Amino acid sequence: MAALLGELGYPTTAADAAGRLAREGPGGERVLVAEAADGHVVGLAALTIGWHLPHARPLARVTALVVAERARGRGTARALLARAEELAAGAACEGVELTSALTPERAAAHRLYESLGYVRTSARFWHELDREGERAPV
């Protein structure tokens, strides 16, 4: 899973990835994995379901979706998203939100999302905080 996070642009060690999987957070994140026939993990999706003030029902948010480069084009991402949508429907969510960087290397992923009925609806803004939760200097 650490290798997959690296392919997504979030390099990490195996130990750090294991620590991230073990932590408990307020949103009840679920990590879905896809395995190849040989048992190797070739894809993952992280799904968080939670309440957001503007919405009457919970929302599901896919916070990470990646398929190993060697396994792409075989329906793995489609299957992971279908499972995420099943879980969201089971939780009576209003919808599923998926975020993705606007970079050229993600163009194929964006085409996939659109082919599955996902619509680009907003811009995402980010402000990094320092390790103590304070605003980082500008």
C-alpha atoms as a PDB file:
ATOM      1  CA  MET A   1       0.000   0.000   0.000  1.00  0.00           C
ATOM      2  CA  ALA A   2       2.935   2.314   0.588  1.00  0.00           C
ATOM      3  CA  ALA A   3       3.970   1.841  -3.040  1.00  0.00           C
ATOM      4  CA  LEU A   4       0.456   2.738  -4.204  1.00  0.00           C
ATOM      5  CA  LEU A   5       0.430   5.892  -2.105  1.00  0.00           C
ATOM      6  CA  GLY A   6       3.764   6.775  -3.703  1.00  0.00           C
ATOM      7  CA  GLU A   7       2.271   6.314  -7.174  1.00  0.00           C
ATOM      8  CA  LEU A   8      -0.537   8.654  -6.144  1.00  0.00           C
ATOM      9  CA  GLY A   9       2.035  11.304  -5.238  1.00  0.00           C
ATOM     10  CA  TYR A  10       2.174  10.757  -1.483  1.00  0.00           C
ATOM     11  CA  PRO A  11       5.430   8.889  -0.874  1.00  0.00           C
ATOM     12  CA  THR A  12       5.568   7.030   2.414  1.00  0.00           C
ATOM     13  CA  THR A  13       7.251   4.074   4.045  1.00  0.00           C
ATOM     14  CA  ALA A  14       5.573   0.742   4.712  1.00  0.00           C
ATOM     15  CA  ALA A  15       5.715   1.447   8.458  1.00  0.00           C
ATOM     16  CA  ASP A  16       4.090   4.864   8.045  1.00  0.00           C
ATOM     17  CA  ALA A  17       1.381   3.421   5.782  1.00  0.00           C
ATOM     18  CA  ALA A  18       0.658   0.751   8.408  1.00  0.00           C
ATOM     19  CA  GLY A  19       0.417   3.463  11.061  1.00  0.00           C
ATOM     20  CA  ARG A  20      -2.015   5.436   8.936  1.00  0.00           C
ATOM     21  CA  LEU A  21      -4.193   2.357   8.509  1.00  0.00           C
ATOM     22  CA  ALA A  22      -4.196   1.706  12.258  1.00  0.00           C
ATOM     23  CA  ARG A  23      -5.144   5.214  13.365  1.00  0.00           C
ATOM     24  CA  GLU A  24      -8.682   6.029  14.276  1.00  0.00           C
ATOM     25  CA  GLY A  25     -10.129   9.312  13.183  1.00  0.00           C
ATOM     26  CA  PRO A  26     -13.401  11.144  13.622  1.00  0.00           C
ATOM     27  CA  GLY A  27     -14.698  10.349  10.130  1.00  0.00           C
ATOM     28  CA  GLY A  28     -14.701   6.580  10.136  1.00  0.00           C
ATOM     29  CA  GLU A  29     -12.500   6.189   7.083  1.00  0.00           C
ATOM     30  CA  ARG A  30     -12.603   2.853   5.271  1.00  0.00           C
ATOM     31  CA  VAL A  31      -9.817   1.650   3.014  1.00  0.00           C
ATOM     32  CA  LEU A  32     -10.883  -0.632   0.192  1.00  0.00           C
ATOM     33  CA  VAL A  33      -8.247  -2.735  -1.520  1.00  0.00           C
ATOM     34  CA  ALA A  34      -8.075  -4.656  -4.778  1.00  0.00           C
ATOM     35  CA  GLU A  35      -5.851  -7.695  -4.972  1.00  0.00           C
ATOM     36  CA  ALA A  36      -4.389  -9.431  -7.996  1.00  0.00           C
ATOM     37  CA  ALA A  37      -4.719 -13.206  -8.336  1.00  0.00           C
ATOM     38  CA  ASP A  38      -1.274 -13.568  -6.729  1.00  0.00           C
ATOM     39  CA  GLY A  39      -2.450 -11.724  -3.602  1.00  0.00           C
ATOM     40  CA  HIS A  40      -0.583  -8.472  -4.254  1.00  0.00           C
ATOM     41  CA  VAL A  41      -2.522  -5.293  -3.565  1.00  0.00           C
ATOM     42  CA  VAL A  42      -2.944  -3.479  -6.897  1.00  0.00           C
ATOM     43  CA  GLY A  43      -5.443  -0.781  -5.937  1.00  0.00           C
ATOM     44  CA  LEU A  44      -6.903   1.113  -3.045  1.00  0.00           C
ATOM     45  CA  ALA A  45      -9.642   3.585  -2.325  1.00  0.00           C
ATOM     46  CA  ALA A  46     -10.105   5.511   0.912  1.00  0.00           C
ATOM     47  CA  LEU A  47     -13.691   6.429   1.731  1.00  0.00           C
ATOM     48  CA  THR A  48     -14.925   8.727   4.488  1.00  0.00           C
ATOM     49  CA  ILE A  49     -18.606   9.109   5.284  1.00  0.00           C
ATOM     50  CA  GLY A  50     -19.689  12.066   7.374  1.00  0.00           C
ATOM     51  CA  TRP A  51     -22.089  14.871   8.001  1.00  0.00           C
ATOM     52  CA  HIS A  52     -21.618  18.317   6.493  1.00  0.00           C
ATOM     53  CA  LEU A  53     -23.748  21.230   7.673  1.00  0.00           C
ATOM     54  CA  PRO A  54     -25.119  22.270   4.252  1.00  0.00           C
ATOM     55  CA  HIS A  55     -26.461  18.781   3.557  1.00  0.00           C
ATOM     56  CA  ALA A  56     -29.472  17.003   5.009  1.00  0.00           C
ATOM     57  CA  ARG A  57     -27.884  13.574   4.614  1.00  0.00           C
ATOM     58  CA  PRO A  58     -24.311  12.343   5.029  1.00  0.00           C
ATOM     59  CA  LEU A  59     -21.806  12.620   2.207  1.00  0.00           C
ATOM     60  CA  ALA A  60     -19.258  10.061   1.114  1.00  0.00           C
ATOM     61  CA  ARG A  61     -15.854  11.360   0.107  1.00  0.00           C
ATOM     62  CA  VAL A  62     -13.266   9.333  -1.777  1.00  0.00           C
ATOM     63  CA  THR A  63     -10.036  10.817  -0.432  1.00  0.00           C
ATOM     64  CA  ALA A  64      -7.654   8.521  -2.283  1.00  0.00           C
ATOM     65  CA  LEU A  65      -7.993   6.265  -5.315  1.00  0.00           C
ATOM     66  CA  VAL A  66      -5.040   4.621  -7.009  1.00  0.00           C
ATOM     67  CA  VAL A  67      -4.335   1.560  -9.114  1.00  0.00           C
ATOM     68  CA  ALA A  68      -0.801   0.302  -9.648  1.00  0.00           C
ATOM     69  CA  GLU A  69       0.471   1.421 -13.033  1.00  0.00           C
ATOM     70  CA  ARG A  70       1.070  -2.185 -14.098  1.00  0.00           C
ATOM     71  CA  ALA A  71      -2.587  -3.058 -13.360  1.00  0.00           C
ATOM     72  CA  ARG A  72      -4.374  -0.099 -14.936  1.00  0.00           C
ATOM     73  CA  GLY A  73      -6.933  -0.483 -17.681  1.00  0.00           C
ATOM     74  CA  ARG A  74      -8.473  -3.654 -16.229  1.00  0.00           C
ATOM     75  CA  GLY A  75     -11.481  -2.187 -14.401  1.00  0.00           C
ATOM     76  CA  THR A  76      -9.905  -2.030 -10.949  1.00  0.00           C
ATOM     77  CA  ALA A  77     -10.661   1.652 -10.312  1.00  0.00           C
ATOM     78  CA  ARG A  78     -14.175   1.148 -11.637  1.00  0.00           C
ATOM     79  CA  ALA A  79     -14.697  -1.771  -9.209  1.00  0.00           C
ATOM     80  CA  LEU A  80     -13.287   0.187  -6.245  1.00  0.00           C
ATOM     81  CA  LEU A  81     -15.585   3.132  -6.990  1.00  0.00           C
ATOM     82  CA  ALA A  82     -18.575   0.822  -7.402  1.00  0.00           C
ATOM     83  CA  ARG A  83     -17.888  -0.634  -3.939  1.00  0.00           C
ATOM     84  CA  ALA A  84     -17.469   2.846  -2.462  1.00  0.00           C
ATOM     85  CA  GLU A  85     -20.824   3.838  -3.970  1.00  0.00           C
ATOM     86  CA  GLU A  86     -22.467   0.711  -2.508  1.00  0.00           C
ATOM     87  CA  LEU A  87     -21.171   1.627   0.952  1.00  0.00           C
ATOM     88  CA  ALA A  88     -22.351   5.218   0.490  1.00  0.00           C
ATOM     89  CA  ALA A  89     -25.805   4.072  -0.584  1.00  0.00           C
ATOM     90  CA  GLY A  90     -25.935   1.736   2.420  1.00  0.00           C
ATOM     91  CA  ALA A  91     -25.231   4.727   4.676  1.00  0.00           C
ATOM     92  CA  ALA A  92     -28.023   6.748   2.985  1.00  0.00           C
ATOM     93  CA  CYS A  93     -25.529   9.285   1.664  1.00  0.00           C
ATOM     94  CA  GLU A  94     -26.645  12.153  -0.515  1.00  0.00           C
ATOM     95  CA  GLY A  95     -23.797  11.550  -2.921  1.00  0.00           C
ATOM     96  CA  VAL A  96     -20.177  10.624  -3.436  1.00  0.00           C
ATOM     97  CA  GLU A  97     -17.517  13.314  -3.751  1.00  0.00           C
ATOM     98  CA  LEU A  98     -14.136  12.553  -5.235  1.00  0.00           C
ATOM     99  CA  THR A  99     -11.191  14.939  -5.268  1.00  0.00           C
ATOM    100  CA  SER A 100      -8.339  14.758  -7.736  1.00  0.00           C
ATOM    101  CA  ALA A 101      -5.421  17.027  -8.534  1.00  0.00           C
ATOM    102  CA  LEU A 102      -5.667  19.011 -11.751  1.00  0.00           C
ATOM    103  CA  THR A 103      -2.423  17.718 -13.211  1.00  0.00           C
ATOM    104  CA  PRO A 104      -1.745  16.321 -16.693  1.00  0.00           C
ATOM    105  CA  GLU A 105      -0.912  12.864 -15.326  1.00  0.00           C
ATOM    106  CA  ARG A 106      -4.410  12.609 -13.846  1.00  0.00           C
ATOM    107  CA  ALA A 107      -6.224  13.309 -17.144  1.00  0.00           C
ATOM    108  CA  ALA A 108      -7.024   9.626 -17.758  1.00  0.00           C
ATOM    109  CA  ALA A 109      -8.430   9.302 -14.252  1.00  0.00           C
ATOM    110  CA  HIS A 110     -10.616  12.367 -14.817  1.00  0.00           C
ATOM    111  CA  ARG A 111     -11.969  10.843 -18.028  1.00  0.00           C
ATOM    112  CA  LEU A 112     -12.812   7.677 -16.092  1.00  0.00           C
ATOM    113  CA  TYR A 113     -14.651   9.615 -13.372  1.00  0.00           C
ATOM    114  CA  GLU A 114     -16.662  11.526 -15.963  1.00  0.00           C
ATOM    115  CA  SER A 115     -17.504   8.286 -17.808  1.00  0.00           C
ATOM    116  CA  LEU A 116     -18.907   6.960 -14.521  1.00  0.00           C
ATOM    117  CA  GLY A 117     -21.174   9.978 -14.080  1.00  0.00           C
ATOM    118  CA  TYR A 118     -19.002  12.120 -11.820  1.00  0.00           C
ATOM    119  CA  VAL A 119     -19.257  15.832 -12.622  1.00  0.00           C
ATOM    120  CA  ARG A 120     -16.616  18.464 -11.925  1.00  0.00           C
ATOM    121  CA  THR A 121     -18.413  20.893  -9.619  1.00  0.00           C
ATOM    122  CA  SER A 122     -15.937  22.989  -7.682  1.00  0.00           C
ATOM    123  CA  ALA A 123     -12.427  24.210  -7.035  1.00  0.00           C
ATOM    124  CA  ARG A 124     -10.455  23.035  -4.016  1.00  0.00           C
ATOM    125  CA  PHE A 125      -8.308  25.430  -2.019  1.00  0.00           C
ATOM    126  CA  TRP A 126      -5.586  24.344   0.389  1.00  0.00           C
ATOM    127  CA  HIS A 127      -3.719  26.088   3.193  1.00  0.00           C
ATOM    128  CA  GLU A 128      -1.058  24.078   4.939  1.00  0.00           C
ATOM    129  CA  LEU A 129      -0.724  24.175   8.719  1.00  0.00           C
ATOM    130  CA  ASP A 130       2.491  23.591  10.601  1.00  0.00           C
ATOM    131  CA  ARG A 131       2.897  20.522  12.820  1.00  0.00           C
ATOM    132  CA  GLU A 132       1.256  22.192  15.822  1.00  0.00           C
ATOM    133  CA  GLY A 133      -1.883  23.044  13.845  1.00  0.00           C
ATOM    134  CA  GLU A 134      -0.972  26.698  13.448  1.00  0.00           C
ATOM    135  CA  ARG A 135      -1.019  28.534  10.139  1.00  0.00           C
ATOM    136  CA  ALA A 136       2.225  28.118   8.281  1.00  0.00           C
ATOM    137  CA  PRO A 137       4.041  31.373   7.514  1.00  0.00           C
ATOM    138  CA  VAL A 138       3.063  32.902   4.198  1.00  0.00           C
END
